[in-house]
Amino acid sequence: MSTKEKQSFALYFLLAFGLAWLCQVYGSLLLLRDGNAAVYRALLSVSMFCPLVAVLAAKRIVLHQPTGIGWKVRGKRRYWLAAWFGPAVFTVLAALLYFAVFSSRLDLSGSWLVTAYGGEMDAETLRSQLGVSSFSYMLETGLFAITLAPPINMLFAVGEEAGWRGYMMPQLKERFGLLNGRLLGGVIWGVWHWPIMLLTGYEYGTNYLGAPALGLVVWCVVCFALNTLLDWLYEKTGCIWVSAIAHGAFNAVAALFTVLTYPADAYYNVLGPTPIGLIGMLPMLAAAVWLTLQQVKQEEMN
């Protein structure tokens, strides 16, 4: 990297983190002080575009160069299918593994739904009067999560993807190598979320096993695994929309199996059954490590 390129890369991080953390902290304070959930969610959505803004500033304003991000729709169909449906597969595997380890935490009574509906009706009443059951909830939510949600969420996720996978990861891999670049990229992406995790309990809540330290560490490992898979998709297609679809699909489907847990077991959210828990993430982590090691081996052979 030239001196100017290093300055450009530093500016990227300054803006990607600075602008996003400003949105995250301000939104969190409004939520905690005034209970303003709508503005909180809106500012979190805005923060997702901060990495893209940072790329534009670093490349177009400082270096006077195109971003180099693959905006053209392309790539083989199998990678698009993997991006669209892969997160659902990892979500199912996460739940199966978690409930295999902690079978006593599998709840088919519908107590999670009872709590979600305010506790005014029991599970039987929800089923008979509203037609809501754990099965119907999973069916409706799951179908939405694998059909309409990925392209909708993609429109927000592309802001992050353009920054992390489109700009940051190629730079890190060039400088530190494939494995170290992906490890570092995952940690960076994970730390980017820390303010809302600490302030509002984003992802795991505020009262969970090992809080808050365990959640911060586990989240960075999750981000390494997900960063690796998204980076691999971008490498294979050169299309940022593919990784954005995968990111959007993951956001849509990851929490699906929480409906099969007891509300009191939210204390163990940091373990599963979602693919962002310490147990639930293992299939995704294994896939990420395997793909990376295969690529490293192939590079050595070449």
C-alpha atoms as a PDB file:
ATOM      1  CA  MET A   1       0.000   0.000   0.000  1.00  0.00           C
ATOM      2  CA  SER A   2       1.164   3.512  -0.771  1.00  0.00           C
ATOM      3  CA  THR A   3       0.986   6.192   1.908  1.00  0.00           C
ATOM      4  CA  LYS A   4      -2.123   7.659   0.334  1.00  0.00           C
ATOM      5  CA  GLU A   5      -3.785   4.245   0.163  1.00  0.00           C
ATOM      6  CA  LYS A   6      -3.036   3.693   3.849  1.00  0.00           C
ATOM      7  CA  GLN A   7      -4.559   7.072   4.651  1.00  0.00           C
ATOM      8  CA  SER A   8      -7.580   6.160   2.584  1.00  0.00           C
ATOM      9  CA  PHE A   9      -7.961   2.842   4.414  1.00  0.00           C
ATOM     10  CA  ALA A  10      -7.649   4.599   7.771  1.00  0.00           C
ATOM     11  CA  LEU A  11     -10.315   7.099   6.730  1.00  0.00           C
ATOM     12  CA  TYR A  12     -12.579   4.208   5.794  1.00  0.00           C
ATOM     13  CA  PHE A  13     -12.392   2.764   9.310  1.00  0.00           C
ATOM     14  CA  LEU A  14     -12.776   6.164  10.921  1.00  0.00           C
ATOM     15  CA  LEU A  15     -16.005   6.823   9.031  1.00  0.00           C
ATOM     16  CA  ALA A  16     -17.360   3.260   9.033  1.00  0.00           C
ATOM     17  CA  PHE A  17     -17.033   3.088  12.804  1.00  0.00           C
ATOM     18  CA  GLY A  18     -17.469   6.739  13.733  1.00  0.00           C
ATOM     19  CA  LEU A  19     -20.693   7.363  11.829  1.00  0.00           C
ATOM     20  CA  ALA A  20     -22.188   3.977  12.713  1.00  0.00           C
ATOM     21  CA  TRP A  21     -21.323   4.233  16.405  1.00  0.00           C
ATOM     22  CA  LEU A  22     -22.851   7.698  16.496  1.00  0.00           C
ATOM     23  CA  CYS A  23     -26.100   6.254  15.123  1.00  0.00           C
ATOM     24  CA  GLN A  24     -25.948   3.234  17.417  1.00  0.00           C
ATOM     25  CA  VAL A  25     -25.229   5.162  20.599  1.00  0.00           C
ATOM     26  CA  TYR A  26     -27.721   7.953  19.924  1.00  0.00           C
ATOM     27  CA  GLY A  27     -30.432   5.473  18.942  1.00  0.00           C
ATOM     28  CA  SER A  28     -29.732   3.377  22.036  1.00  0.00           C
ATOM     29  CA  LEU A  29     -29.939   6.405  24.314  1.00  0.00           C
ATOM     30  CA  LEU A  30     -33.288   7.389  22.792  1.00  0.00           C
ATOM     31  CA  LEU A  31     -34.557   3.852  23.317  1.00  0.00           C
ATOM     32  CA  LEU A  32     -33.357   3.665  26.917  1.00  0.00           C
ATOM     33  CA  ARG A  33     -34.444   7.174  27.878  1.00  0.00           C
ATOM     34  CA  ASP A  34     -37.688   7.600  25.949  1.00  0.00           C
ATOM     35  CA  GLY A  35     -38.556   4.086  24.821  1.00  0.00           C
ATOM     36  CA  ASN A  36     -38.401   5.319  21.226  1.00  0.00           C
ATOM     37  CA  ALA A  37     -38.054   1.977  19.454  1.00  0.00           C
ATOM     38  CA  ALA A  38     -39.009   3.342  16.022  1.00  0.00           C
ATOM     39  CA  VAL A  39     -36.166   5.872  15.920  1.00  0.00           C
ATOM     40  CA  TYR A  40     -33.792   3.280  17.384  1.00  0.00           C
ATOM     41  CA  ARG A  41     -34.564   0.828  14.583  1.00  0.00           C
ATOM     42  CA  ALA A  42     -34.351   3.579  11.978  1.00  0.00           C
ATOM     43  CA  LEU A  43     -30.912   4.666  13.179  1.00  0.00           C
ATOM     44  CA  LEU A  44     -29.695   1.072  13.185  1.00  0.00           C
ATOM     45  CA  SER A  45     -30.835   0.817   9.567  1.00  0.00           C
ATOM     46  CA  VAL A  46     -28.956   4.034   8.768  1.00  0.00           C
ATOM     47  CA  SER A  47     -25.836   2.657  10.459  1.00  0.00           C
ATOM     48  CA  MET A  48     -25.838  -0.261   8.010  1.00  0.00           C
ATOM     49  CA  PHE A  49     -25.063   2.184   5.191  1.00  0.00           C
ATOM     50  CA  CYS A  50     -22.126   3.811   6.989  1.00  0.00           C
ATOM     51  CA  PRO A  51     -19.543   1.316   5.602  1.00  0.00           C
ATOM     52  CA  LEU A  52     -20.728   2.155   2.078  1.00  0.00           C
ATOM     53  CA  VAL A  53     -20.448   5.885   2.792  1.00  0.00           C
ATOM     54  CA  ALA A  54     -16.953   5.244   4.156  1.00  0.00           C
ATOM     55  CA  VAL A  55     -15.943   3.424   0.957  1.00  0.00           C
ATOM     56  CA  LEU A  56     -17.173   6.260  -1.226  1.00  0.00           C
ATOM     57  CA  ALA A  57     -15.231   8.790   0.843  1.00  0.00           C
ATOM     58  CA  ALA A  58     -12.048   6.698   0.920  1.00  0.00           C
ATOM     59  CA  LYS A  59     -12.001   5.746  -2.757  1.00  0.00           C
ATOM     60  CA  ARG A  60     -13.806   8.490  -4.637  1.00  0.00           C
ATOM     61  CA  ILE A  61     -12.885  11.540  -2.568  1.00  0.00           C
ATOM     62  CA  VAL A  62      -9.376  10.685  -1.309  1.00  0.00           C
ATOM     63  CA  LEU A  63      -8.008   8.459  -4.082  1.00  0.00           C
ATOM     64  CA  HIS A  64     -10.243   9.694  -6.922  1.00  0.00           C
ATOM     65  CA  GLN A  65     -10.752   6.079  -7.989  1.00  0.00           C
ATOM     66  CA  PRO A  66     -13.783   3.887  -8.624  1.00  0.00           C
ATOM     67  CA  THR A  67     -14.782   1.769  -5.623  1.00  0.00           C
ATOM     68  CA  GLY A  68     -13.873  -1.490  -7.342  1.00  0.00           C
ATOM     69  CA  ILE A  69     -17.007  -3.108  -5.899  1.00  0.00           C
ATOM     70  CA  GLY A  70     -18.823  -5.597  -8.132  1.00  0.00           C
ATOM     71  CA  TRP A  71     -22.244  -4.004  -8.554  1.00  0.00           C
ATOM     72  CA  LYS A  72     -23.110  -5.861 -11.768  1.00  0.00           C
ATOM     73  CA  VAL A  73     -25.541  -8.755 -11.286  1.00  0.00           C
ATOM     74  CA  ARG A  74     -23.644 -11.910 -12.188  1.00  0.00           C
ATOM     75  CA  GLY A  75     -22.448 -15.224 -10.804  1.00  0.00           C
ATOM     76  CA  LYS A  76     -23.443 -18.842 -11.255  1.00  0.00           C
ATOM     77  CA  ARG A  77     -26.885 -19.897 -10.119  1.00  0.00           C
ATOM     78  CA  ARG A  78     -25.556 -22.276  -7.464  1.00  0.00           C
ATOM     79  CA  TYR A  79     -23.950 -19.405  -5.561  1.00  0.00           C
ATOM     80  CA  TRP A  80     -27.160 -17.408  -5.626  1.00  0.00           C
ATOM     81  CA  LEU A  81     -29.043 -20.456  -4.333  1.00  0.00           C
ATOM     82  CA  ALA A  82     -26.423 -20.973  -1.623  1.00  0.00           C
ATOM     83  CA  ALA A  83     -26.759 -17.325  -0.614  1.00  0.00           C
ATOM     84  CA  TRP A  84     -30.557 -17.464  -0.554  1.00  0.00           C
ATOM     85  CA  PHE A  85     -31.086 -20.793   1.215  1.00  0.00           C
ATOM     86  CA  GLY A  86     -27.761 -21.477   2.949  1.00  0.00           C
ATOM     87  CA  PRO A  87     -28.646 -19.385   6.037  1.00  0.00           C
ATOM     88  CA  ALA A  88     -31.819 -21.435   6.516  1.00  0.00           C
ATOM     89  CA  VAL A  89     -29.788 -24.651   6.386  1.00  0.00           C
ATOM     90  CA  PHE A  90     -27.357 -23.370   9.023  1.00  0.00           C
ATOM     91  CA  THR A  91     -30.294 -22.216  11.159  1.00  0.00           C
ATOM     92  CA  VAL A  92     -31.823 -25.703  11.096  1.00  0.00           C
ATOM     93  CA  LEU A  93     -28.464 -27.327  11.863  1.00  0.00           C
ATOM     94  CA  ALA A  94     -27.909 -24.907  14.738  1.00  0.00           C
ATOM     95  CA  ALA A  95     -31.257 -25.791  16.311  1.00  0.00           C
ATOM     96  CA  LEU A  96     -30.765 -29.531  15.841  1.00  0.00           C
ATOM     97  CA  LEU A  97     -27.343 -29.409  17.480  1.00  0.00           C
ATOM     98  CA  TYR A  98     -28.480 -27.171  20.340  1.00  0.00           C
ATOM     99  CA  PHE A  99     -31.527 -29.257  21.224  1.00  0.00           C
ATOM    100  CA  ALA A 100     -29.468 -32.449  20.890  1.00  0.00           C
ATOM    101  CA  VAL A 101     -27.134 -31.075  23.552  1.00  0.00           C
ATOM    102  CA  PHE A 102     -29.850 -29.411  25.660  1.00  0.00           C
ATOM    103  CA  SER A 103     -32.924 -31.546  25.032  1.00  0.00           C
ATOM    104  CA  SER A 104     -34.590 -30.312  28.232  1.00  0.00           C
ATOM    105  CA  ARG A 105     -34.799 -26.815  26.746  1.00  0.00           C
ATOM    106  CA  LEU A 106     -36.958 -27.905  23.818  1.00  0.00           C
ATOM    107  CA  ASP A 107     -40.458 -26.575  24.493  1.00  0.00           C
ATOM    108  CA  LEU A 108     -43.391 -27.692  22.350  1.00  0.00           C
ATOM    109  CA  SER A 109     -46.033 -26.209  24.667  1.00  0.00           C
ATOM    110  CA  GLY A 110     -46.033 -22.761  23.073  1.00  0.00           C
ATOM    111  CA  SER A 111     -44.918 -20.858  26.173  1.00  0.00           C
ATOM    112  CA  TRP A 112     -42.704 -18.566  24.095  1.00  0.00           C
ATOM    113  CA  LEU A 113     -45.737 -17.483  22.032  1.00  0.00           C
ATOM    114  CA  VAL A 114     -47.792 -16.942  25.178  1.00  0.00           C
ATOM    115  CA  THR A 115     -45.147 -14.507  26.414  1.00  0.00           C
ATOM    116  CA  ALA A 116     -44.800 -12.877  22.989  1.00  0.00           C
ATOM    117  CA  TYR A 117     -48.555 -12.189  22.937  1.00  0.00           C
ATOM    118  CA  GLY A 118     -48.429 -10.501  26.321  1.00  0.00           C
ATOM    119  CA  GLY A 119     -49.373 -13.463  28.495  1.00  0.00           C
ATOM    120  CA  GLU A 120     -53.091 -12.640  28.372  1.00  0.00           C
ATOM    121  CA  MET A 121     -54.024 -15.941  26.679  1.00  0.00           C
ATOM    122  CA  ASP A 122     -52.664 -19.420  27.201  1.00  0.00           C
ATOM    123  CA  ALA A 123     -51.355 -21.566  24.356  1.00  0.00           C
ATOM    124  CA  GLU A 124     -54.652 -23.382  23.858  1.00  0.00           C
ATOM    125  CA  THR A 125     -56.586 -20.117  23.605  1.00  0.00           C
ATOM    126  CA  LEU A 126     -54.066 -18.729  21.123  1.00  0.00           C
ATOM    127  CA  ARG A 127     -54.503 -21.843  19.029  1.00  0.00           C
ATOM    128  CA  SER A 128     -58.313 -21.957  19.155  1.00  0.00           C
ATOM    129  CA  GLN A 129     -59.132 -18.251  18.901  1.00  0.00           C
ATOM    130  CA  LEU A 130     -56.275 -16.825  16.854  1.00  0.00           C
ATOM    131  CA  GLY A 131     -55.070 -19.933  15.062  1.00  0.00           C
ATOM    132  CA  VAL A 132     -51.566 -19.329  16.365  1.00  0.00           C
ATOM    133  CA  SER A 133     -49.342 -22.210  17.399  1.00  0.00           C
ATOM    134  CA  SER A 134     -45.640 -22.913  17.404  1.00  0.00           C
ATOM    135  CA  PHE A 135     -46.066 -24.858  14.157  1.00  0.00           C
ATOM    136  CA  SER A 136     -48.083 -22.151  12.399  1.00  0.00           C
ATOM    137  CA  TYR A 137     -45.673 -19.462  13.579  1.00  0.00           C
ATOM    138  CA  MET A 138     -42.654 -21.377  12.281  1.00  0.00           C
ATOM    139  CA  LEU A 139     -44.375 -22.176   9.011  1.00  0.00           C
ATOM    140  CA  GLU A 140     -45.462 -18.588   8.289  1.00  0.00           C
ATOM    141  CA  THR A 141     -42.271 -16.974   9.571  1.00  0.00           C
ATOM    142  CA  GLY A 142     -40.079 -19.558   7.875  1.00  0.00           C
ATOM    143  CA  LEU A 143     -41.789 -19.207   4.504  1.00  0.00           C
ATOM    144  CA  PHE A 144     -41.462 -15.431   4.628  1.00  0.00           C
ATOM    145  CA  ALA A 145     -37.824 -15.731   5.718  1.00  0.00           C
ATOM    146  CA  ILE A 146     -36.859 -17.835   2.687  1.00  0.00           C
ATOM    147  CA  THR A 147     -39.022 -16.141   0.044  1.00  0.00           C
ATOM    148  CA  LEU A 148     -39.632 -12.402   0.396  1.00  0.00           C
ATOM    149  CA  ALA A 149     -37.333 -11.434   3.262  1.00  0.00           C
ATOM    150  CA  PRO A 150     -33.934 -12.021   1.581  1.00  0.00           C
ATOM    151  CA  PRO A 151     -34.414  -9.503  -1.272  1.00  0.00           C
ATOM    152  CA  ILE A 152     -36.073  -6.998   1.086  1.00  0.00           C
ATOM    153  CA  ASN A 153     -33.306  -7.244   3.683  1.00  0.00           C
ATOM    154  CA  MET A 154     -30.713  -7.194   0.909  1.00  0.00           C
ATOM    155  CA  LEU A 155     -31.492  -3.534   0.259  1.00  0.00           C
ATOM    156  CA  PHE A 156     -30.275  -2.680   3.764  1.00  0.00           C
ATOM    157  CA  ALA A 157     -27.517  -5.302   4.011  1.00  0.00           C
ATOM    158  CA  VAL A 158     -25.811  -4.090   0.825  1.00  0.00           C
ATOM    159  CA  GLY A 159     -24.563  -1.024   2.703  1.00  0.00           C
ATOM    160  CA  GLU A 160     -22.528  -3.226   5.010  1.00  0.00           C
ATOM    161  CA  GLU A 161     -21.564  -5.690   2.289  1.00  0.00           C
ATOM    162  CA  ALA A 162     -20.137  -2.966   0.073  1.00  0.00           C
ATOM    163  CA  GLY A 163     -17.901  -1.856   2.929  1.00  0.00           C
ATOM    164  CA  TRP A 164     -16.905  -5.096   4.623  1.00  0.00           C
ATOM    165  CA  ARG A 165     -16.807  -7.608   1.790  1.00  0.00           C
ATOM    166  CA  GLY A 166     -16.505  -5.258  -1.172  1.00  0.00           C
ATOM    167  CA  TYR A 167     -13.704  -3.041   0.121  1.00  0.00           C
ATOM    168  CA  MET A 168     -12.294  -4.100   3.506  1.00  0.00           C
ATOM    169  CA  MET A 169     -11.796  -7.823   2.935  1.00  0.00           C
ATOM    170  CA  PRO A 170      -9.773  -7.567  -0.314  1.00  0.00           C
ATOM    171  CA  GLN A 171      -7.461  -5.097   1.448  1.00  0.00           C
ATOM    172  CA  LEU A 172      -7.029  -7.276   4.552  1.00  0.00           C
ATOM    173  CA  LYS A 173      -6.447 -10.466   2.553  1.00  0.00           C
ATOM    174  CA  GLU A 174      -3.868  -8.761   0.358  1.00  0.00           C
ATOM    175  CA  ARG A 175      -1.966  -7.510   3.392  1.00  0.00           C
ATOM    176  CA  PHE A 176      -2.368 -10.366   5.903  1.00  0.00           C
ATOM    177  CA  GLY A 177      -3.222 -13.414   3.800  1.00  0.00           C
ATOM    178  CA  LEU A 178      -6.488 -15.302   3.438  1.00  0.00           C
ATOM    179  CA  LEU A 179      -6.818 -16.865   6.897  1.00  0.00           C
ATOM    180  CA  ASN A 180      -5.486 -13.953   8.941  1.00  0.00           C
ATOM    181  CA  GLY A 181      -7.419 -11.482   6.810  1.00  0.00           C
ATOM    182  CA  ARG A 182     -10.683 -13.303   7.417  1.00  0.00           C
ATOM    183  CA  LEU A 183      -9.976 -13.660  11.133  1.00  0.00           C
ATOM    184  CA  LEU A 184      -9.201  -9.971  11.468  1.00  0.00           C
ATOM    185  CA  GLY A 185     -12.154  -9.006   9.296  1.00  0.00           C
ATOM    186  CA  GLY A 186     -14.505 -11.034  11.471  1.00  0.00           C
ATOM    187  CA  VAL A 187     -13.252  -9.388  14.650  1.00  0.00           C
ATOM    188  CA  ILE A 188     -13.547  -5.922  13.104  1.00  0.00           C
ATOM    189  CA  TRP A 189     -17.098  -6.614  11.984  1.00  0.00           C
ATOM    190  CA  GLY A 190     -17.973  -8.007  15.397  1.00  0.00           C
ATOM    191  CA  VAL A 191     -16.546  -5.045  17.316  1.00  0.00           C
ATOM    192  CA  TRP A 192     -18.514  -2.703  15.038  1.00  0.00           C
ATOM    193  CA  HIS A 193     -21.682  -4.036  16.759  1.00  0.00           C
ATOM    194  CA  TRP A 194     -20.415  -3.730  20.334  1.00  0.00           C
ATOM    195  CA  PRO A 195     -22.063  -0.407  21.308  1.00  0.00           C
ATOM    196  CA  ILE A 196     -25.607  -1.685  20.713  1.00  0.00           C
ATOM    197  CA  MET A 197     -24.744  -5.020  22.303  1.00  0.00           C
ATOM    198  CA  LEU A 198     -23.557  -3.299  25.464  1.00  0.00           C
ATOM    199  CA  LEU A 199     -26.255  -0.631  25.583  1.00  0.00           C
ATOM    200  CA  THR A 200     -29.409  -2.420  24.465  1.00  0.00           C
ATOM    201  CA  GLY A 201     -28.575  -6.119  24.521  1.00  0.00           C
ATOM    202  CA  TYR A 202     -28.541  -6.490  20.758  1.00  0.00           C
ATOM    203  CA  GLU A 203     -28.516 -10.182  19.731  1.00  0.00           C
ATOM    204  CA  TYR A 204     -28.269 -11.831  23.195  1.00  0.00           C
ATOM    205  CA  GLY A 205     -30.144  -9.505  25.546  1.00  0.00           C
ATOM    206  CA  THR A 206     -28.631  -8.020  28.697  1.00  0.00           C
ATOM    207  CA  ASN A 207     -29.079 -10.842  31.211  1.00  0.00           C
ATOM    208  CA  TYR A 208     -27.448 -13.957  29.835  1.00  0.00           C
ATOM    209  CA  LEU A 209     -24.790 -16.486  30.716  1.00  0.00           C
ATOM    210  CA  GLY A 210     -21.418 -14.759  30.990  1.00  0.00           C
ATOM    211  CA  ALA A 211     -22.815 -11.306  30.148  1.00  0.00           C
ATOM    212  CA  PRO A 212     -21.498  -9.134  28.718  1.00  0.00           C
ATOM    213  CA  ALA A 213     -18.007 -10.506  28.021  1.00  0.00           C
ATOM    214  CA  LEU A 214     -19.038 -13.919  26.694  1.00  0.00           C
ATOM    215  CA  GLY A 215     -21.508 -12.395  24.260  1.00  0.00           C
ATOM    216  CA  LEU A 216     -18.929  -9.979  22.864  1.00  0.00           C
ATOM    217  CA  VAL A 217     -16.432 -12.786  22.278  1.00  0.00           C
ATOM    218  CA  VAL A 218     -18.953 -15.262  20.858  1.00  0.00           C
ATOM    219  CA  TRP A 219     -20.294 -12.598  18.527  1.00  0.00           C
ATOM    220  CA  CYS A 220     -16.827 -11.971  17.090  1.00  0.00           C
ATOM    221  CA  VAL A 221     -16.412 -15.707  16.417  1.00  0.00           C
ATOM    222  CA  VAL A 222     -19.835 -15.749  14.747  1.00  0.00           C
ATOM    223  CA  CYS A 223     -18.803 -12.759  12.664  1.00  0.00           C
ATOM    224  CA  PHE A 224     -15.617 -14.565  11.593  1.00  0.00           C
ATOM    225  CA  ALA A 225     -17.686 -17.525  10.403  1.00  0.00           C
ATOM    226  CA  LEU A 226     -20.313 -15.424   8.635  1.00  0.00           C
ATOM    227  CA  ASN A 227     -17.716 -13.013   7.245  1.00  0.00           C
ATOM    228  CA  THR A 228     -15.850 -15.983   5.756  1.00  0.00           C
ATOM    229  CA  LEU A 229     -18.933 -17.405   4.047  1.00  0.00           C
ATOM    230  CA  LEU A 230     -20.015 -14.016   2.699  1.00  0.00           C
ATOM    231  CA  ASP A 231     -16.485 -13.268   1.538  1.00  0.00           C
ATOM    232  CA  TRP A 232     -16.338 -16.658  -0.205  1.00  0.00           C
ATOM    233  CA  LEU A 233     -19.597 -15.919  -2.027  1.00  0.00           C
ATOM    234  CA  TYR A 234     -18.260 -12.557  -3.160  1.00  0.00           C
ATOM    235  CA  GLU A 235     -15.000 -14.133  -4.327  1.00  0.00           C
ATOM    236  CA  LYS A 236     -16.887 -16.741  -6.350  1.00  0.00           C
ATOM    237  CA  THR A 237     -19.266 -14.312  -8.048  1.00  0.00           C
ATOM    238  CA  GLY A 238     -17.684 -10.865  -7.980  1.00  0.00           C
ATOM    239  CA  CYS A 239     -21.211  -9.635  -7.252  1.00  0.00           C
ATOM    240  CA  ILE A 240     -21.892  -7.778  -4.012  1.00  0.00           C
ATOM    241  CA  TRP A 241     -25.626  -8.510  -4.330  1.00  0.00           C
ATOM    242  CA  VAL A 242     -24.972 -12.205  -3.718  1.00  0.00           C
ATOM    243  CA  SER A 243     -23.381 -11.610  -0.322  1.00  0.00           C
ATOM    244  CA  ALA A 244     -26.073  -9.021   0.429  1.00  0.00           C
ATOM    245  CA  ILE A 245     -28.788 -11.627  -0.291  1.00  0.00           C
ATOM    246  CA  ALA A 246     -27.057 -14.056   2.067  1.00  0.00           C
ATOM    247  CA  HIS A 247     -26.694 -11.384   4.748  1.00  0.00           C
ATOM    248  CA  GLY A 248     -30.364 -10.465   4.395  1.00  0.00           C
ATOM    249  CA  ALA A 249     -31.473 -14.097   4.449  1.00  0.00           C
ATOM    250  CA  PHE A 250     -29.432 -14.745   7.606  1.00  0.00           C
ATOM    251  CA  ASN A 251     -30.995 -11.758   9.372  1.00  0.00           C
ATOM    252  CA  ALA A 252     -34.449 -13.001   8.407  1.00  0.00           C
ATOM    253  CA  VAL A 253     -34.229 -16.642   9.429  1.00  0.00           C
ATOM    254  CA  ALA A 254     -31.673 -16.860  12.269  1.00  0.00           C
ATOM    255  CA  ALA A 255     -34.121 -16.421  15.165  1.00  0.00           C
ATOM    256  CA  LEU A 256     -36.768 -18.830  13.852  1.00  0.00           C
ATOM    257  CA  PHE A 257     -36.280 -21.633  16.395  1.00  0.00           C
ATOM    258  CA  THR A 258     -36.443 -19.416  19.476  1.00  0.00           C
ATOM    259  CA  VAL A 259     -40.184 -20.178  19.405  1.00  0.00           C
ATOM    260  CA  LEU A 260     -39.283 -23.671  20.627  1.00  0.00           C
ATOM    261  CA  THR A 261     -37.558 -22.425  23.783  1.00  0.00           C
ATOM    262  CA  TYR A 262     -38.865 -21.512  27.219  1.00  0.00           C
ATOM    263  CA  PRO A 263     -38.964 -17.735  27.848  1.00  0.00           C
ATOM    264  CA  ALA A 264     -36.884 -18.216  30.994  1.00  0.00           C
ATOM    265  CA  ASP A 265     -34.176 -19.865  28.900  1.00  0.00           C
ATOM    266  CA  ALA A 266     -33.362 -16.535  27.280  1.00  0.00           C
ATOM    267  CA  TYR A 267     -30.511 -16.642  29.797  1.00  0.00           C
ATOM    268  CA  TYR A 268     -28.907 -19.208  27.482  1.00  0.00           C
ATOM    269  CA  ASN A 269     -29.356 -17.223  24.240  1.00  0.00           C
ATOM    270  CA  VAL A 270     -25.589 -16.926  23.999  1.00  0.00           C
ATOM    271  CA  LEU A 271     -25.472 -20.711  23.481  1.00  0.00           C
ATOM    272  CA  GLY A 272     -28.346 -21.207  21.008  1.00  0.00           C
ATOM    273  CA  PRO A 273     -30.631 -22.375  19.435  1.00  0.00           C
ATOM    274  CA  THR A 274     -29.874 -19.687  16.868  1.00  0.00           C
ATOM    275  CA  PRO A 275     -26.748 -19.891  14.673  1.00  0.00           C
ATOM    276  CA  ILE A 276     -25.270 -16.946  16.601  1.00  0.00           C
ATOM    277  CA  GLY A 277     -24.990 -18.952  19.818  1.00  0.00           C
ATOM    278  CA  LEU A 278     -21.825 -20.670  21.013  1.00  0.00           C
ATOM    279  CA  ILE A 279     -23.312 -24.114  20.294  1.00  0.00           C
ATOM    280  CA  GLY A 280     -25.541 -23.132  17.392  1.00  0.00           C
ATOM    281  CA  MET A 281     -22.768 -21.493  15.396  1.00  0.00           C
ATOM    282  CA  LEU A 282     -20.594 -24.627  15.243  1.00  0.00           C
ATOM    283  CA  PRO A 283     -21.898 -25.932  11.866  1.00  0.00           C
ATOM    284  CA  MET A 284     -21.391 -22.506  10.290  1.00  0.00           C
ATOM    285  CA  LEU A 285     -17.960 -22.165  11.902  1.00  0.00           C
ATOM    286  CA  ALA A 286     -16.934 -25.615  10.684  1.00  0.00           C
ATOM    287  CA  ALA A 287     -17.976 -24.721   7.124  1.00  0.00           C
ATOM    288  CA  ALA A 288     -16.057 -21.431   7.292  1.00  0.00           C
ATOM    289  CA  VAL A 289     -12.875 -23.066   8.579  1.00  0.00           C
ATOM    290  CA  TRP A 290     -13.100 -25.910   6.055  1.00  0.00           C
ATOM    291  CA  LEU A 291     -13.595 -23.551   3.110  1.00  0.00           C
ATOM    292  CA  THR A 292     -10.703 -21.356   4.185  1.00  0.00           C
ATOM    293  CA  LEU A 293      -8.315 -24.263   4.747  1.00  0.00           C
ATOM    294  CA  GLN A 294      -9.255 -25.709   1.355  1.00  0.00           C
ATOM    295  CA  GLN A 295      -8.508 -22.376  -0.291  1.00  0.00           C
ATOM    296  CA  VAL A 296      -5.197 -22.043   1.560  1.00  0.00           C
ATOM    297  CA  LYS A 297      -4.206 -25.555   0.478  1.00  0.00           C
ATOM    298  CA  GLN A 298      -5.134 -24.790  -3.123  1.00  0.00           C
ATOM    299  CA  GLU A 299      -3.078 -21.577  -3.049  1.00  0.00           C
ATOM    300  CA  GLU A 300      -0.065 -23.503  -1.727  1.00  0.00           C
ATOM    301  CA  MET A 301      -0.415 -26.095  -4.499  1.00  0.00           C
ATOM    302  CA  ASN A 302      -0.529 -23.345  -7.121  1.00  0.00           C
END
